[in-house]
Amino acid sequence: MDIRALTPDYAVSPMIDPEHMPAIAEAGYTTVICNRPDGEIPPSHHASVMKAAAEAAGLTFVENPVLGGAMTMENVTSQGAAVAEATGPVLAYCASGTRSSVVWSLSQAGQMSTDDIIAATTRGGYQLDHMRPQIDAMAAQKG
């Protein structure tokens, strides 16, 4: 696993395997968010399989599939709600961690400064500086 903490309470990862769930729970995460649509992955990693593995490990599982290049406002709202409702640290995954970083960044707009959001994703290895105008616009819209 390649878990990258963006904040003390939110981390992202490229695709994980069902058998990783116990280690994720042992690492202190309480919620796993799947940002990868089933259509991109084999049946062995579909959300239903991942959910069963997560729940068996005592984790809350949230399915919020983000289609590459087609993120919706519902995705942003769902991600923010899942993070806000979590009882502890959250791990979100997709193909590379980028979508999980982007949807989180937009969900945090207005709650964190744009500079802090971009610094957090940069520390995690995701260069989202080009999203500054979108994050600022989202913050203004929420404002």
Protein backbone atom coordinates (compact mmCIF):
# COMPACT_ATOMS: atom_id res chain seq x y z
CA MET A 1 0.00 0.00 0.00
CA ASP A 2 1.07 3.54 -0.71
CA ILE A 3 -0.85 5.62 1.86
CA ARG A 4 -0.16 9.35 1.67
CA ALA A 5 -1.44 11.52 4.52
CA LEU A 6 -2.70 14.91 3.36
CA THR A 7 -3.76 15.90 6.88
CA PRO A 8 -3.67 14.03 10.19
CA ASP A 9 -7.27 12.91 9.48
CA TYR A 10 -7.29 12.34 5.69
CA ALA A 11 -5.04 10.20 3.50
CA VAL A 12 -5.19 8.99 -0.07
CA SER A 13 -3.88 5.94 -1.82
CA PRO A 14 -3.69 4.31 -5.21
CA MET A 15 -5.86 1.20 -5.56
CA ILE A 16 -5.84 -1.04 -2.51
CA ASP A 17 -6.69 -4.73 -2.24
CA PRO A 18 -9.43 -6.28 -0.09
CA GLU A 19 -6.79 -8.03 2.01
CA HIS A 20 -5.31 -4.63 2.96
CA MET A 21 -8.35 -3.72 5.08
CA PRO A 22 -7.09 -5.25 8.38
CA ALA A 23 -3.79 -3.35 8.05
CA ILE A 24 -5.70 -0.14 7.28
CA ALA A 25 -7.74 -0.60 10.45
CA GLU A 26 -4.58 -1.41 12.45
CA ALA A 27 -3.03 1.82 11.13
CA GLY A 28 -5.84 3.72 12.86
CA TYR A 29 -8.15 4.54 9.98
CA THR A 30 -11.87 4.27 10.71
CA THR A 31 -13.37 5.03 7.29
CA VAL A 32 -12.41 4.00 3.77
CA ILE A 33 -13.79 5.95 0.80
CA CYS A 34 -13.78 4.31 -2.61
CA ASN A 35 -13.48 6.91 -5.36
CA ARG A 36 -12.92 4.31 -8.09
CA PRO A 37 -15.87 3.28 -10.30
CA ASP A 38 -16.47 -0.46 -10.68
CA GLY A 39 -16.23 -0.11 -14.46
CA GLU A 40 -12.48 0.57 -14.17
CA ILE A 41 -11.54 -2.48 -12.14
CA PRO A 42 -11.89 -6.27 -12.09
CA PRO A 43 -14.77 -7.83 -10.12
CA SER A 44 -12.31 -8.85 -7.39
CA HIS A 45 -12.01 -5.17 -6.43
CA HIS A 46 -15.58 -3.96 -7.00
CA ALA A 47 -17.03 -1.77 -4.26
CA SER A 48 -19.21 -4.60 -2.92
CA VAL A 49 -16.13 -6.79 -2.35
CA MET A 50 -14.17 -3.91 -0.83
CA LYS A 51 -17.10 -2.98 1.41
CA ALA A 52 -17.39 -6.54 2.76
CA ALA A 53 -13.64 -6.62 3.48
CA ALA A 54 -13.72 -3.17 5.12
CA GLU A 55 -16.68 -4.03 7.32
CA ALA A 56 -15.08 -7.35 8.31
CA ALA A 57 -12.09 -5.31 9.51
CA GLY A 58 -14.35 -2.97 11.50
CA LEU A 59 -14.11 -0.07 9.05
CA THR A 60 -16.86 2.16 7.70
CA PHE A 61 -16.95 1.99 3.90
CA VAL A 62 -18.23 4.80 1.68
CA GLU A 63 -18.70 4.39 -2.06
CA ASN A 64 -18.26 7.68 -3.94
CA PRO A 65 -17.16 6.78 -7.49
CA VAL A 66 -15.55 9.66 -9.35
CA LEU A 67 -15.41 9.27 -13.10
CA GLY A 68 -12.13 10.63 -14.49
CA GLY A 69 -12.80 14.06 -15.99
CA ALA A 70 -16.46 13.97 -14.90
CA MET A 71 -16.45 14.84 -11.21
CA THR A 72 -19.82 16.11 -10.01
CA MET A 73 -20.91 18.43 -7.25
CA GLU A 74 -22.53 15.37 -5.67
CA ASN A 75 -19.09 13.72 -5.54
CA VAL A 76 -17.66 16.79 -3.77
CA THR A 77 -20.56 16.98 -1.30
CA SER A 78 -20.46 13.24 -0.59
CA GLN A 79 -16.71 13.28 0.03
CA GLY A 80 -17.00 16.20 2.42
CA ALA A 81 -19.88 14.55 4.28
CA ALA A 82 -18.00 11.25 4.60
CA VAL A 83 -14.97 13.04 6.03
CA ALA A 84 -17.10 15.14 8.41
CA GLU A 85 -19.04 12.10 9.65
CA ALA A 86 -15.99 9.88 10.16
CA THR A 87 -15.19 8.86 13.71
CA GLY A 88 -11.44 8.97 13.03
CA PRO A 89 -8.92 9.18 10.20
CA VAL A 90 -10.14 8.55 6.65
CA LEU A 91 -8.37 6.76 3.79
CA ALA A 92 -9.70 7.44 0.28
CA TYR A 93 -8.50 5.53 -2.75
CA CYS A 94 -8.80 5.58 -6.53
CA ALA A 95 -6.41 4.55 -9.33
CA SER A 96 -3.50 6.79 -8.32
CA GLY A 97 -4.81 8.89 -5.42
CA THR A 98 -5.26 11.94 -7.64
CA ARG A 99 -9.07 11.85 -7.85
CA SER A 100 -9.25 11.29 -4.10
CA SER A 101 -7.02 14.35 -3.63
CA VAL A 102 -8.99 16.52 -6.06
CA VAL A 103 -12.45 15.67 -4.68
CA TRP A 104 -11.16 16.24 -1.13
CA SER A 105 -9.61 19.58 -2.13
CA LEU A 106 -12.90 20.84 -3.52
CA SER A 107 -14.83 19.52 -0.51
CA GLN A 108 -12.50 21.43 1.84
CA ALA A 109 -12.70 24.72 -0.08
CA GLY A 110 -13.97 27.39 2.27
CA GLN A 111 -13.08 25.30 5.34
CA MET A 112 -9.34 25.47 4.76
CA SER A 113 -7.43 28.14 2.89
CA THR A 114 -6.58 27.35 -0.72
CA ASP A 115 -2.88 27.65 0.16
CA ASP A 116 -3.28 25.04 2.93
CA ILE A 117 -5.22 22.70 0.64
CA ILE A 118 -2.59 22.90 -2.10
CA ALA A 119 0.24 22.52 0.43
CA ALA A 120 -1.43 19.39 1.82
CA THR A 121 -1.82 17.76 -1.59
CA THR A 122 1.72 18.75 -2.57
CA ARG A 123 3.08 17.06 0.59
CA GLY A 124 1.21 13.94 -0.52
CA GLY A 125 2.84 14.09 -3.95
CA TYR A 126 -0.15 15.50 -5.86
CA GLN A 127 0.53 18.78 -7.66
CA LEU A 128 -2.84 20.56 -7.75
CA ASP A 129 -1.62 24.15 -8.12
CA HIS A 130 -3.50 24.33 -11.43
CA MET A 131 -6.73 23.89 -9.44
CA ARG A 132 -6.30 27.09 -7.44
CA PRO A 133 -9.00 28.95 -9.44
CA GLN A 134 -11.51 26.08 -8.97
CA ILE A 135 -10.79 25.80 -5.25
CA ASP A 136 -11.14 29.57 -4.85
CA ALA A 137 -14.40 29.56 -6.82
CA MET A 138 -15.76 26.68 -4.74
CA ALA A 139 -14.84 28.53 -1.53
CA ALA A 140 -16.62 31.67 -2.79
CA GLN A 141 -19.68 29.62 -3.77
CA LYS A 142 -19.87 28.06 -0.30
CA GLY A 143 -19.13 31.40 1.36
